[in-house]
């Protein structure tokens, strides 16, 4: 079970990174991005950021490429906003759990319609 400090750092990073992405990334070009979860290492020196992207396939690809390309810049912006002994090294992962959940709900609705 993560410690209280880890939980607080994860929430702090989640809010700060979400604000940075909101400011720095054009949603029309790269889709609408949301931070679903942030996982931090035990030493707080690394963080995996799970990002959900809502938009077309082209927007999702551009968004993923932008996150990969601008990772260092986002990390520098994060270091300016968040005061920690070490700024975590960021890794972005595309999280499509929202789309999977929507697909499951759609399948359930179709099954209910067939039953009626």
PDB file of N, CA and C in Angstrom:
ATOM      1  N   UNK A   1       0.842  -1.182   0.000  1.00  0.00           N
ATOM      2  CA  UNK A   1       0.000   0.000   0.000  1.00  0.00           C
ATOM      3  C   UNK A   1       0.880   1.236   0.000  1.00  0.00           C
ATOM      4  N   UNK A   2       0.602   2.190  -0.914  1.00  0.00           N
ATOM      5  CA  UNK A   2       1.441   3.382  -0.985  1.00  0.00           C
ATOM      6  C   UNK A   2       1.303   4.245   0.267  1.00  0.00           C
ATOM      7  N   UNK A   3       2.394   4.875   0.603  1.00  0.00           N
ATOM      8  CA  UNK A   3       2.382   5.739   1.774  1.00  0.00           C
ATOM      9  C   UNK A   3       1.599   7.016   1.480  1.00  0.00           C
ATOM     10  N   UNK A   4       1.295   7.730   2.541  1.00  0.00           N
ATOM     11  CA  UNK A   4       0.564   8.987   2.397  1.00  0.00           C
ATOM     12  C   UNK A   4       1.360   9.982   1.556  1.00  0.00           C
ATOM     13  N   UNK A   5       2.674   9.991   1.726  1.00  0.00           N
ATOM     14  CA  UNK A   5       3.516  10.895   0.930  1.00  0.00           C
ATOM     15  C   UNK A   5       3.417  10.564  -0.549  1.00  0.00           C
ATOM     16  N   UNK A   6       3.463   9.281  -0.895  1.00  0.00           N
ATOM     17  CA  UNK A   6       3.345   8.884  -2.298  1.00  0.00           C
ATOM     18  C   UNK A   6       1.996   9.317  -2.869  1.00  0.00           C
ATOM     19  N   UNK A   7       0.943   9.137  -2.114  1.00  0.00           N
ATOM     20  CA  UNK A   7      -0.381   9.547  -2.580  1.00  0.00           C
ATOM     21  C   UNK A   7      -0.440  11.046  -2.810  1.00  0.00           C
ATOM     22  N   UNK A   8       0.117  11.803  -1.888  1.00  0.00           N
ATOM     23  CA  UNK A   8       0.092  13.264  -2.025  1.00  0.00           C
ATOM     24  C   UNK A   8       0.926  13.722  -3.214  1.00  0.00           C
ATOM     25  N   UNK A   9       2.094  13.111  -3.414  1.00  0.00           N
ATOM     26  CA  UNK A   9       2.944  13.465  -4.552  1.00  0.00           C
ATOM     27  C   UNK A   9       2.252  13.107  -5.858  1.00  0.00           C
ATOM     28  N   UNK A  10       1.603  11.935  -5.914  1.00  0.00           N
ATOM     29  CA  UNK A  10       0.887  11.535  -7.136  1.00  0.00           C
ATOM     30  C   UNK A  10      -0.208  12.533  -7.479  1.00  0.00           C
ATOM     31  N   UNK A  11      -0.995  12.938  -6.497  1.00  0.00           N
ATOM     32  CA  UNK A  11      -2.068  13.901  -6.749  1.00  0.00           C
ATOM     33  C   UNK A  11      -1.513  15.265  -7.159  1.00  0.00           C
ATOM     34  N   UNK A  12      -0.438  15.685  -6.518  1.00  0.00           N
ATOM     35  CA  UNK A  12       0.189  16.956  -6.865  1.00  0.00           C
ATOM     36  C   UNK A  12       0.695  16.934  -8.299  1.00  0.00           C
ATOM     37  N   UNK A  13       1.372  15.845  -8.680  1.00  0.00           N
ATOM     38  CA  UNK A  13       1.874  15.720 -10.050  1.00  0.00           C
ATOM     39  C   UNK A  13       0.734  15.649 -11.049  1.00  0.00           C
ATOM     40  N   UNK A  14      -0.315  14.939 -10.703  1.00  0.00           N
ATOM     41  CA  UNK A  14      -1.470  14.797 -11.598  1.00  0.00           C
ATOM     42  C   UNK A  14      -2.074  16.161 -11.917  1.00  0.00           C
ATOM     43  N   UNK A  15      -2.286  16.970 -10.891  1.00  0.00           N
ATOM     44  CA  UNK A  15      -2.865  18.306 -11.120  1.00  0.00           C
ATOM     45  C   UNK A  15      -1.917  19.205 -11.898  1.00  0.00           C
ATOM     46  N   UNK A  16      -0.640  19.191 -11.539  1.00  0.00           N
ATOM     47  CA  UNK A  16       0.333  20.069 -12.199  1.00  0.00           C
ATOM     48  C   UNK A  16       0.520  19.680 -13.664  1.00  0.00           C
ATOM     49  N   UNK A  17       0.633  18.394 -13.952  1.00  0.00           N
ATOM     50  CA  UNK A  17       0.830  17.954 -15.334  1.00  0.00           C
ATOM     51  C   UNK A  17      -0.421  18.242 -16.161  1.00  0.00           C
ATOM     52  N   UNK A  18      -1.601  18.040 -15.581  1.00  0.00           N
ATOM     53  CA  UNK A  18      -2.840  18.345 -16.301  1.00  0.00           C
ATOM     54  C   UNK A  18      -2.891  19.824 -16.677  1.00  0.00           C
ATOM     55  N   UNK A  19      -2.489  20.682 -15.779  1.00  0.00           N
ATOM     56  CA  UNK A  19      -2.485  22.119 -16.064  1.00  0.00           C
ATOM     57  C   UNK A  19      -1.456  22.459 -17.142  1.00  0.00           C
ATOM     58  N   UNK A  20      -0.284  21.849 -17.087  1.00  0.00           N
ATOM     59  CA  UNK A  20       0.747  22.086 -18.101  1.00  0.00           C
ATOM     60  C   UNK A  20       0.247  21.649 -19.476  1.00  0.00           C
ATOM     61  N   UNK A  21      -0.346  20.459 -19.564  1.00  0.00           N
ATOM     62  CA  UNK A  21      -0.849  19.975 -20.854  1.00  0.00           C
ATOM     63  C   UNK A  21      -1.975  20.861 -21.369  1.00  0.00           C
ATOM     64  N   UNK A  22      -2.829  21.341 -20.466  1.00  0.00           N
ATOM     65  CA  UNK A  22      -3.914  22.228 -20.882  1.00  0.00           C
ATOM     66  C   UNK A  22      -3.365  23.506 -21.516  1.00  0.00           C
ATOM     67  N   UNK A  23      -2.286  24.038 -20.942  1.00  0.00           N
ATOM     68  CA  UNK A  23      -1.705  25.275 -21.454  1.00  0.00           C
ATOM     69  C   UNK A  23      -0.889  25.064 -22.718  1.00  0.00           C
ATOM     70  N   UNK A  24      -0.154  23.971 -22.790  1.00  0.00           N
ATOM     71  CA  UNK A  24       0.865  23.795 -23.826  1.00  0.00           C
ATOM     72  C   UNK A  24       0.385  23.062 -25.078  1.00  0.00           C
ATOM     73  N   UNK A  25      -0.696  22.292 -24.985  1.00  0.00           N
ATOM     74  CA  UNK A  25      -1.109  21.476 -26.121  1.00  0.00           C
ATOM     75  C   UNK A  25      -2.432  21.980 -26.673  1.00  0.00           C
ATOM     76  N   UNK A  26      -2.457  22.162 -27.987  1.00  0.00           N
ATOM     77  CA  UNK A  26      -3.664  22.611 -28.683  1.00  0.00           C
ATOM     78  C   UNK A  26      -4.623  21.423 -28.810  1.00  0.00           C
ATOM     79  N   UNK A  27      -5.806  21.545 -28.218  1.00  0.00           N
ATOM     80  CA  UNK A  27      -6.748  20.426 -28.214  1.00  0.00           C
ATOM     81  C   UNK A  27      -7.340  20.153 -29.595  1.00  0.00           C
ATOM     82  N   UNK A  28      -7.395  21.163 -30.453  1.00  0.00           N
ATOM     83  CA  UNK A  28      -7.906  20.934 -31.804  1.00  0.00           C
ATOM     84  C   UNK A  28      -6.941  20.090 -32.626  1.00  0.00           C
ATOM     85  N   UNK A  29      -5.659  20.262 -32.369  1.00  0.00           N
ATOM     86  CA  UNK A  29      -4.636  19.524 -33.114  1.00  0.00           C
ATOM     87  C   UNK A  29      -4.419  18.121 -32.558  1.00  0.00           C
ATOM     88  N   UNK A  30      -4.356  17.996 -31.234  1.00  0.00           N
ATOM     89  CA  UNK A  30      -3.970  16.737 -30.598  1.00  0.00           C
ATOM     90  C   UNK A  30      -5.091  16.066 -29.812  1.00  0.00           C
ATOM     91  N   UNK A  31      -6.292  16.549 -29.896  1.00  0.00           N
ATOM     92  CA  UNK A  31      -7.386  15.955 -29.142  1.00  0.00           C
ATOM     93  C   UNK A  31      -7.415  16.466 -27.713  1.00  0.00           C
ATOM     94  N   UNK A  32      -8.452  16.089 -27.010  1.00  0.00           N
ATOM     95  CA  UNK A  32      -8.617  16.496 -25.619  1.00  0.00           C
ATOM     96  C   UNK A  32      -7.907  15.489 -24.729  1.00  0.00           C
ATOM     97  N   UNK A  33      -6.950  15.969 -23.932  1.00  0.00           N
ATOM     98  CA  UNK A  33      -6.148  15.086 -23.095  1.00  0.00           C
ATOM     99  C   UNK A  33      -6.568  15.204 -21.644  1.00  0.00           C
ATOM    100  N   UNK A  34      -6.558  14.069 -20.961  1.00  0.00           N
ATOM    101  CA  UNK A  34      -6.811  14.067 -19.520  1.00  0.00           C
ATOM    102  C   UNK A  34      -5.813  13.126 -18.862  1.00  0.00           C
ATOM    103  N   UNK A  35      -5.416  13.472 -17.657  1.00  0.00           N
ATOM    104  CA  UNK A  35      -4.495  12.640 -16.896  1.00  0.00           C
ATOM    105  C   UNK A  35      -5.343  11.681 -16.067  1.00  0.00           C
ATOM    106  N   UNK A  36      -5.277  10.396 -16.383  1.00  0.00           N
ATOM    107  CA  UNK A  36      -6.078   9.406 -15.668  1.00  0.00           C
ATOM    108  C   UNK A  36      -5.406   8.959 -14.378  1.00  0.00           C
ATOM    109  N   UNK A  37      -4.105   8.831 -14.402  1.00  0.00           N
ATOM    110  CA  UNK A  37      -3.385   8.349 -13.224  1.00  0.00           C
ATOM    111  C   UNK A  37      -1.912   8.707 -13.356  1.00  0.00           C
ATOM    112  N   UNK A  38      -1.254   8.864 -12.222  1.00  0.00           N
ATOM    113  CA  UNK A  38       0.192   9.068 -12.182  1.00  0.00           C
ATOM    114  C   UNK A  38       0.756   8.059 -11.198  1.00  0.00           C
ATOM    115  N   UNK A  39       1.704   7.281 -11.658  1.00  0.00           N
ATOM    116  CA  UNK A  39       2.390   6.333 -10.779  1.00  0.00           C
ATOM    117  C   UNK A  39       3.808   6.814 -10.539  1.00  0.00           C
ATOM    118  N   UNK A  40       4.222   6.827  -9.290  1.00  0.00           N
ATOM    119  CA  UNK A  40       5.575   7.288  -8.969  1.00  0.00           C
ATOM    120  C   UNK A  40       6.384   6.125  -8.419  1.00  0.00           C
ATOM    121  N   UNK A  41       7.684   6.166  -8.667  1.00  0.00           N
ATOM    122  CA  UNK A  41       8.590   5.149  -8.146  1.00  0.00           C
ATOM    123  C   UNK A  41       8.778   5.314  -6.649  1.00  0.00           C
ATOM    124  N   UNK A  42       9.320   4.311  -6.008  1.00  0.00           N
ATOM    125  CA  UNK A  42       9.536   4.361  -4.558  1.00  0.00           C
ATOM    126  C   UNK A  42      10.444   5.506  -4.135  1.00  0.00           C
ATOM    127  N   UNK A  43      11.412   5.842  -4.988  1.00  0.00           N
ATOM    128  CA  UNK A  43      12.337   6.926  -4.666  1.00  0.00           C
ATOM    129  C   UNK A  43      11.847   8.286  -5.149  1.00  0.00           C
ATOM    130  N   UNK A  44      10.664   8.337  -5.762  1.00  0.00           N
ATOM    131  CA  UNK A  44      10.045   9.575  -6.279  1.00  0.00           C
ATOM    132  C   UNK A  44      10.871  10.236  -7.378  1.00  0.00           C
ATOM    133  N   UNK A  45      11.746   9.480  -8.021  1.00  0.00           N
ATOM    134  CA  UNK A  45      12.578  10.046  -9.086  1.00  0.00           C
ATOM    135  C   UNK A  45      12.037   9.742 -10.474  1.00  0.00           C
ATOM    136  N   UNK A  46      11.001   8.922 -10.569  1.00  0.00           N
ATOM    137  CA  UNK A  46      10.405   8.618 -11.865  1.00  0.00           C
ATOM    138  C   UNK A  46       8.889   8.574 -11.703  1.00  0.00           C
ATOM    139  N   UNK A  47       8.209   8.897 -12.790  1.00  0.00           N
ATOM    140  CA  UNK A  47       6.747   8.891 -12.776  1.00  0.00           C
ATOM    141  C   UNK A  47       6.232   8.442 -14.137  1.00  0.00           C
ATOM    142  N   UNK A  48       5.227   7.576 -14.103  1.00  0.00           N
ATOM    143  CA  UNK A  48       4.539   7.168 -15.322  1.00  0.00           C
ATOM    144  C   UNK A  48       3.201   7.872 -15.323  1.00  0.00           C
ATOM    145  N   UNK A  49       2.945   8.624 -16.386  1.00  0.00           N
ATOM    146  CA  UNK A  49       1.724   9.415 -16.502  1.00  0.00           C
ATOM    147  C   UNK A  49       0.815   8.729 -17.518  1.00  0.00           C
ATOM    148  N   UNK A  50      -0.353   8.300 -17.075  1.00  0.00           N
ATOM    149  CA  UNK A  50      -1.325   7.655 -17.951  1.00  0.00           C
ATOM    150  C   UNK A  50      -2.273   8.716 -18.483  1.00  0.00           C
ATOM    151  N   UNK A  51      -2.218   8.930 -19.804  1.00  0.00           N
ATOM    152  CA  UNK A  51      -2.959  10.008 -20.445  1.00  0.00           C
ATOM    153  C   UNK A  51      -4.047   9.424 -21.331  1.00  0.00           C
ATOM    154  N   UNK A  52      -5.256   9.918 -21.153  1.00  0.00           N
ATOM    155  CA  UNK A  52      -6.357   9.557 -22.039  1.00  0.00           C
ATOM    156  C   UNK A  52      -6.531  10.643 -23.081  1.00  0.00           C
ATOM    157  N   UNK A  53      -6.677  10.260 -24.336  1.00  0.00           N
ATOM    158  CA  UNK A  53      -6.845  11.228 -25.418  1.00  0.00           C
ATOM    159  C   UNK A  53      -8.175  10.951 -26.093  1.00  0.00           C
ATOM    160  N   UNK A  54      -9.030  11.962 -26.107  1.00  0.00           N
ATOM    161  CA  UNK A  54     -10.325  11.854 -26.771  1.00  0.00           C
ATOM    162  C   UNK A  54     -10.238  12.630 -28.073  1.00  0.00           C
ATOM    163  N   UNK A  55     -10.526  11.944 -29.171  1.00  0.00           N
ATOM    164  CA  UNK A  55     -10.473  12.583 -30.482  1.00  0.00           C
ATOM    165  C   UNK A  55     -10.372  11.530 -31.558  1.00  0.00           C
ATOM    166  N   UNK A  56     -10.131  11.986 -32.760  1.00  0.00           N
ATOM    167  CA  UNK A  56      -9.996  11.064 -33.888  1.00  0.00           C
ATOM    168  C   UNK A  56      -8.680  10.296 -33.772  1.00  0.00           C
ATOM    169  N   UNK A  57      -8.529   9.279 -34.605  1.00  0.00           N
ATOM    170  CA  UNK A  57      -7.287   8.499 -34.590  1.00  0.00           C
ATOM    171  C   UNK A  57      -6.082   9.361 -34.937  1.00  0.00           C
ATOM    172  N   UNK A  58      -6.264  10.279 -35.879  1.00  0.00           N
ATOM    173  CA  UNK A  58      -5.159  11.171 -36.263  1.00  0.00           C
ATOM    174  C   UNK A  58      -4.782  12.073 -35.092  1.00  0.00           C
ATOM    175  N   UNK A  59      -5.775  12.586 -34.377  1.00  0.00           N
ATOM    176  CA  UNK A  59      -5.490  13.434 -33.221  1.00  0.00           C
ATOM    177  C   UNK A  59      -4.785  12.637 -32.127  1.00  0.00           C
ATOM    178  N   UNK A  60      -5.206  11.396 -31.935  1.00  0.00           N
ATOM    179  CA  UNK A  60      -4.574  10.567 -30.917  1.00  0.00           C
ATOM    180  C   UNK A  60      -3.106  10.315 -31.256  1.00  0.00           C
ATOM    181  N   UNK A  61      -2.819  10.055 -32.536  1.00  0.00           N
ATOM    182  CA  UNK A  61      -1.433   9.812 -32.951  1.00  0.00           C
ATOM    183  C   UNK A  61      -0.590  11.073 -32.787  1.00  0.00           C
ATOM    184  N   UNK A  62      -1.153  12.219 -33.200  1.00  0.00           N
ATOM    185  CA  UNK A  62      -0.420  13.487 -33.042  1.00  0.00           C
ATOM    186  C   UNK A  62      -0.201  13.804 -31.572  1.00  0.00           C
ATOM    187  N   UNK A  63      -1.212  13.536 -30.741  1.00  0.00           N
ATOM    188  CA  UNK A  63      -1.082  13.783 -29.306  1.00  0.00           C
ATOM    189  C   UNK A  63      -0.009  12.920 -28.673  1.00  0.00           C
ATOM    190  N   UNK A  64       0.019  11.639 -29.017  1.00  0.00           N
ATOM    191  CA  UNK A  64       1.036  10.734 -28.479  1.00  0.00           C
ATOM    192  C   UNK A  64       2.431  11.162 -28.934  1.00  0.00           C
ATOM    193  N   UNK A  65       2.551  11.553 -30.198  1.00  0.00           N
ATOM    194  CA  UNK A  65       3.854  12.003 -30.714  1.00  0.00           C
ATOM    195  C   UNK A  65       4.300  13.285 -30.019  1.00  0.00           C
ATOM    196  N   UNK A  66       3.363  14.181 -29.773  1.00  0.00           N
ATOM    197  CA  UNK A  66       3.683  15.449 -29.104  1.00  0.00           C
ATOM    198  C   UNK A  66       4.159  15.188 -27.670  1.00  0.00           C
ATOM    199  N   UNK A  67       3.487  14.282 -26.964  1.00  0.00           N
ATOM    200  CA  UNK A  67       3.903  13.954 -25.601  1.00  0.00           C
ATOM    201  C   UNK A  67       5.312  13.376 -25.582  1.00  0.00           C
ATOM    202  N   UNK A  68       5.602  12.512 -26.534  1.00  0.00           N
ATOM    203  CA  UNK A  68       6.929  11.897 -26.602  1.00  0.00           C
ATOM    204  C   UNK A  68       7.996  12.933 -26.944  1.00  0.00           C
ATOM    205  N   UNK A  69       7.692  13.787 -27.908  1.00  0.00           N
ATOM    206  CA  UNK A  69       8.655  14.787 -28.364  1.00  0.00           C
ATOM    207  C   UNK A  69       8.929  15.853 -27.306  1.00  0.00           C
ATOM    208  N   UNK A  70       7.893  16.301 -26.622  1.00  0.00           N
ATOM    209  CA  UNK A  70       8.010  17.417 -25.685  1.00  0.00           C
ATOM    210  C   UNK A  70       8.189  16.978 -24.231  1.00  0.00           C
ATOM    211  N   UNK A  71       8.503  15.713 -23.997  1.00  0.00           N
ATOM    212  CA  UNK A  71       8.622  15.201 -22.630  1.00  0.00           C
ATOM    213  C   UNK A  71       9.586  16.025 -21.779  1.00  0.00           C
ATOM    214  N   UNK A  72      10.735  16.338 -22.323  1.00  0.00           N
ATOM    215  CA  UNK A  72      11.729  17.122 -21.585  1.00  0.00           C
ATOM    216  C   UNK A  72      11.236  18.511 -21.240  1.00  0.00           C
ATOM    217  N   UNK A  73      10.556  19.139 -22.176  1.00  0.00           N
ATOM    218  CA  UNK A  73       9.998  20.465 -21.929  1.00  0.00           C
ATOM    219  C   UNK A  73       8.941  20.414 -20.827  1.00  0.00           C
ATOM    220  N   UNK A  74       8.069  19.402 -20.877  1.00  0.00           N
ATOM    221  CA  UNK A  74       7.041  19.266 -19.847  1.00  0.00           C
ATOM    222  C   UNK A  74       7.681  19.018 -18.481  1.00  0.00           C
ATOM    223  N   UNK A  75       8.765  18.266 -18.461  1.00  0.00           N
ATOM    224  CA  UNK A  75       9.457  17.998 -17.206  1.00  0.00           C
ATOM    225  C   UNK A  75      10.066  19.277 -16.642  1.00  0.00           C
ATOM    226  N   UNK A  76      10.640  20.126 -17.506  1.00  0.00           N
ATOM    227  CA  UNK A  76      11.188  21.403 -17.043  1.00  0.00           C
ATOM    228  C   UNK A  76      10.089  22.313 -16.501  1.00  0.00           C
ATOM    229  N   UNK A  77       8.948  22.363 -17.189  1.00  0.00           N
ATOM    230  CA  UNK A  77       7.826  23.169 -16.702  1.00  0.00           C
ATOM    231  C   UNK A  77       7.319  22.645 -15.363  1.00  0.00           C
ATOM    232  N   UNK A  78       7.300  21.335 -15.221  1.00  0.00           N
ATOM    233  CA  UNK A  78       6.874  20.730 -13.963  1.00  0.00           C
ATOM    234  C   UNK A  78       7.834  21.106 -12.835  1.00  0.00           C
ATOM    235  N   UNK A  79       9.120  21.124 -13.111  1.00  0.00           N
ATOM    236  CA  UNK A  79      10.114  21.472 -12.092  1.00  0.00           C
ATOM    237  C   UNK A  79       9.922  22.902 -11.594  1.00  0.00           C
ATOM    238  N   UNK A  80       9.450  23.781 -12.467  1.00  0.00           N
ATOM    239  CA  UNK A  80       9.208  25.171 -12.065  1.00  0.00           C
ATOM    240  C   UNK A  80       7.958  25.307 -11.201  1.00  0.00           C
ATOM    241  N   UNK A  81       6.989  24.430 -11.404  1.00  0.00           N
ATOM    242  CA  UNK A  81       5.710  24.548 -10.704  1.00  0.00           C
ATOM    243  C   UNK A  81       5.652  23.758  -9.401  1.00  0.00           C
ATOM    244  N   UNK A  82       6.355  22.637  -9.345  1.00  0.00           N
ATOM    245  CA  UNK A  82       6.267  21.754  -8.193  1.00  0.00           C
ATOM    246  C   UNK A  82       7.603  21.758  -7.460  1.00  0.00           C
ATOM    247  N   UNK A  83       7.555  21.978  -6.166  1.00  0.00           N
ATOM    248  CA  UNK A  83       8.774  22.007  -5.372  1.00  0.00           C
ATOM    249  C   UNK A  83       8.966  20.644  -4.715  1.00  0.00           C
ATOM    250  N   UNK A  84       9.872  19.870  -5.280  1.00  0.00           N
ATOM    251  CA  UNK A  84      10.266  18.579  -4.731  1.00  0.00           C
ATOM    252  C   UNK A  84      11.788  18.518  -4.746  1.00  0.00           C
ATOM    253  N   UNK A  85      12.347  17.646  -3.928  1.00  0.00           N
ATOM    254  CA  UNK A  85      13.804  17.514  -3.918  1.00  0.00           C
ATOM    255  C   UNK A  85      14.299  17.086  -5.295  1.00  0.00           C
ATOM    256  N   UNK A  86      13.618  16.109  -5.899  1.00  0.00           N
ATOM    257  CA  UNK A  86      13.943  15.654  -7.248  1.00  0.00           C
ATOM    258  C   UNK A  86      12.695  15.774  -8.105  1.00  0.00           C
ATOM    259  N   UNK A  87      12.856  16.341  -9.289  1.00  0.00           N
ATOM    260  CA  UNK A  87      11.741  16.347 -10.226  1.00  0.00           C
ATOM    261  C   UNK A  87      11.705  14.982 -10.898  1.00  0.00           C
ATOM    262  N   UNK A  88      10.571  14.289 -10.821  1.00  0.00           N
ATOM    263  CA  UNK A  88      10.517  12.945 -11.402  1.00  0.00           C
ATOM    264  C   UNK A  88      10.728  12.973 -12.913  1.00  0.00           C
ATOM    265  N   UNK A  89      11.404  11.961 -13.413  1.00  0.00           N
ATOM    266  CA  UNK A  89      11.550  11.774 -14.855  1.00  0.00           C
ATOM    267  C   UNK A  89      10.227  11.217 -15.364  1.00  0.00           C
ATOM    268  N   UNK A  90       9.623  11.915 -16.304  1.00  0.00           N
ATOM    269  CA  UNK A  90       8.291  11.559 -16.773  1.00  0.00           C
ATOM    270  C   UNK A  90       8.342  10.559 -17.922  1.00  0.00           C
ATOM    271  N   UNK A  91       7.410   9.626 -17.893  1.00  0.00           N
ATOM    272  CA  UNK A  91       7.147   8.724 -19.013  1.00  0.00           C
ATOM    273  C   UNK A  91       5.651   8.776 -19.254  1.00  0.00           C
ATOM    274  N   UNK A  92       5.268   9.017 -20.489  1.00  0.00           N
ATOM    275  CA  UNK A  92       3.849   9.090 -20.824  1.00  0.00           C
ATOM    276  C   UNK A  92       3.392   7.782 -21.439  1.00  0.00           C
ATOM    277  N   UNK A  93       2.236   7.302 -21.001  1.00  0.00           N
ATOM    278  CA  UNK A  93       1.592   6.118 -21.555  1.00  0.00           C
ATOM    279  C   UNK A  93       0.173   6.501 -21.951  1.00  0.00           C
ATOM    280  N   UNK A  94      -0.220   6.091 -23.133  1.00  0.00           N
ATOM    281  CA  UNK A  94      -1.582   6.358 -23.591  1.00  0.00           C
ATOM    282  C   UNK A  94      -2.509   5.339 -22.939  1.00  0.00           C
ATOM    283  N   UNK A  95      -3.535   5.835 -22.281  1.00  0.00           N
ATOM    284  CA  UNK A  95      -4.483   4.996 -21.551  1.00  0.00           C
ATOM    285  C   UNK A  95      -5.824   5.031 -22.278  1.00  0.00           C
ATOM    286  N   UNK A  96      -6.210   3.898 -22.818  1.00  0.00           N
ATOM    287  CA  UNK A  96      -7.472   3.853 -23.561  1.00  0.00           C
ATOM    288  C   UNK A  96      -8.573   3.151 -22.766  1.00  0.00           C
ATOM    289  N   UNK A  97      -8.480   3.173 -21.454  1.00  0.00           N
ATOM    290  CA  UNK A  97      -9.473   2.497 -20.625  1.00  0.00           C
ATOM    291  C   UNK A  97     -10.853   3.138 -20.739  1.00  0.00           C
ATOM    292  N   UNK A  98     -10.920   4.436 -20.978  1.00  0.00           N
ATOM    293  CA  UNK A  98     -12.214   5.103 -21.124  1.00  0.00           C
ATOM    294  C   UNK A  98     -12.923   4.588 -22.375  1.00  0.00           C
ATOM    295  N   UNK A  99     -12.186   4.487 -23.478  1.00  0.00           N
ATOM    296  CA  UNK A  99     -12.799   3.966 -24.703  1.00  0.00           C
ATOM    297  C   UNK A  99     -13.207   2.510 -24.547  1.00  0.00           C
ATOM    298  N   UNK A 100     -12.413   1.725 -23.842  1.00  0.00           N
ATOM    299  CA  UNK A 100     -12.774   0.325 -23.605  1.00  0.00           C
ATOM    300  C   UNK A 100     -14.041   0.243 -22.761  1.00  0.00           C
ATOM    301  N   UNK A 101     -14.142   1.102 -21.757  1.00  0.00           N
ATOM    302  CA  UNK A 101     -15.344   1.139 -20.929  1.00  0.00           C
ATOM    303  C   UNK A 101     -16.567   1.531 -21.728  1.00  0.00           C
ATOM    304  N   UNK A 102     -16.415   2.512 -22.601  1.00  0.00           N
ATOM    305  CA  UNK A 102     -17.540   2.926 -23.458  1.00  0.00           C
ATOM    306  C   UNK A 102     -17.958   1.796 -24.394  1.00  0.00           C
ATOM    307  N   UNK A 103     -16.988   1.053 -24.901  1.00  0.00           N
ATOM    308  CA  UNK A 103     -17.297  -0.071 -25.786  1.00  0.00           C
ATOM    309  C   UNK A 103     -18.066  -1.159 -25.032  1.00  0.00           C
ATOM    310  N   UNK A 104     -17.669  -1.445 -23.789  1.00  0.00           N
ATOM    311  CA  UNK A 104     -18.372  -2.439 -22.976  1.00  0.00           C
ATOM    312  C   UNK A 104     -19.811  -1.995 -22.722  1.00  0.00           C
ATOM    313  N   UNK A 105     -19.991  -0.715 -22.391  1.00  0.00           N
ATOM    314  CA  UNK A 105     -21.348  -0.197 -22.175  1.00  0.00           C
ATOM    315  C   UNK A 105     -22.192  -0.302 -23.440  1.00  0.00           C
ATOM    316  N   UNK A 106     -21.583  -0.040 -24.584  1.00  0.00           N
ATOM    317  CA  UNK A 106     -22.294  -0.147 -25.854  1.00  0.00           C
ATOM    318  C   UNK A 106     -22.732  -1.594 -26.112  1.00  0.00           C
ATOM    319  N   UNK A 107     -21.853  -2.542 -25.829  1.00  0.00           N
ATOM    320  CA  UNK A 107     -22.189  -3.952 -26.017  1.00  0.00           C
ATOM    321  C   UNK A 107     -23.322  -4.367 -25.076  1.00  0.00           C
ATOM    322  N   UNK A 108     -23.284  -3.896 -23.842  1.00  0.00           N
ATOM    323  CA  UNK A 108     -24.345  -4.216 -22.889  1.00  0.00           C
ATOM    324  C   UNK A 108     -25.684  -3.656 -23.364  1.00  0.00           C
ATOM    325  N   UNK A 109     -25.673  -2.424 -23.857  1.00  0.00           N
ATOM    326  CA  UNK A 109     -26.910  -1.822 -24.376  1.00  0.00           C
ATOM    327  C   UNK A 109     -27.454  -2.619 -25.557  1.00  0.00           C
ATOM    328  N   UNK A 110     -26.567  -3.059 -26.448  1.00  0.00           N
ATOM    329  CA  UNK A 110     -27.009  -3.859 -27.604  1.00  0.00           C
ATOM    330  C   UNK A 110     -27.615  -5.175 -27.148  1.00  0.00           C
ATOM    331  N   UNK A 111     -27.028  -5.800 -26.141  1.00  0.00           N
ATOM    332  CA  UNK A 111     -27.575  -7.063 -25.644  1.00  0.00           C
ATOM    333  C   UNK A 111     -28.947  -6.856 -24.989  1.00  0.00           C
ATOM    334  N   UNK A 112     -29.073  -5.749 -24.248  1.00  0.00           N
ATOM    335  CA  UNK A 112     -30.370  -5.449 -23.636  1.00  0.00           C
ATOM    336  C   UNK A 112     -31.430  -5.163 -24.689  1.00  0.00           C
ATOM    337  N   UNK A 113     -31.066  -4.493 -25.751  1.00  0.00           N
ATOM    338  CA  UNK A 113     -32.022  -4.219 -26.837  1.00  0.00           C
ATOM    339  C   UNK A 113     -32.454  -5.509 -27.517  1.00  0.00           C
ATOM    340  N   UNK A 114     -31.536  -6.452 -27.704  1.00  0.00           N
ATOM    341  CA  UNK A 114     -31.873  -7.729 -28.338  1.00  0.00           C
ATOM    342  C   UNK A 114     -32.781  -8.555 -27.433  1.00  0.00           C
ATOM    343  N   UNK A 115     -32.580  -8.466 -26.117  1.00  0.00           N
ATOM    344  CA  UNK A 115     -33.382  -9.229 -25.180  1.00  0.00           C
ATOM    345  C   UNK A 115     -34.826  -8.742 -25.184  1.00  0.00           C
ATOM    346  N   UNK A 116     -35.030  -7.463 -25.340  1.00  0.00           N
ATOM    347  CA  UNK A 116     -36.371  -6.887 -25.347  1.00  0.00           C
ATOM    348  C   UNK A 116     -37.025  -7.186 -26.667  1.00  0.00           C
TER     349      UNK A 116
END
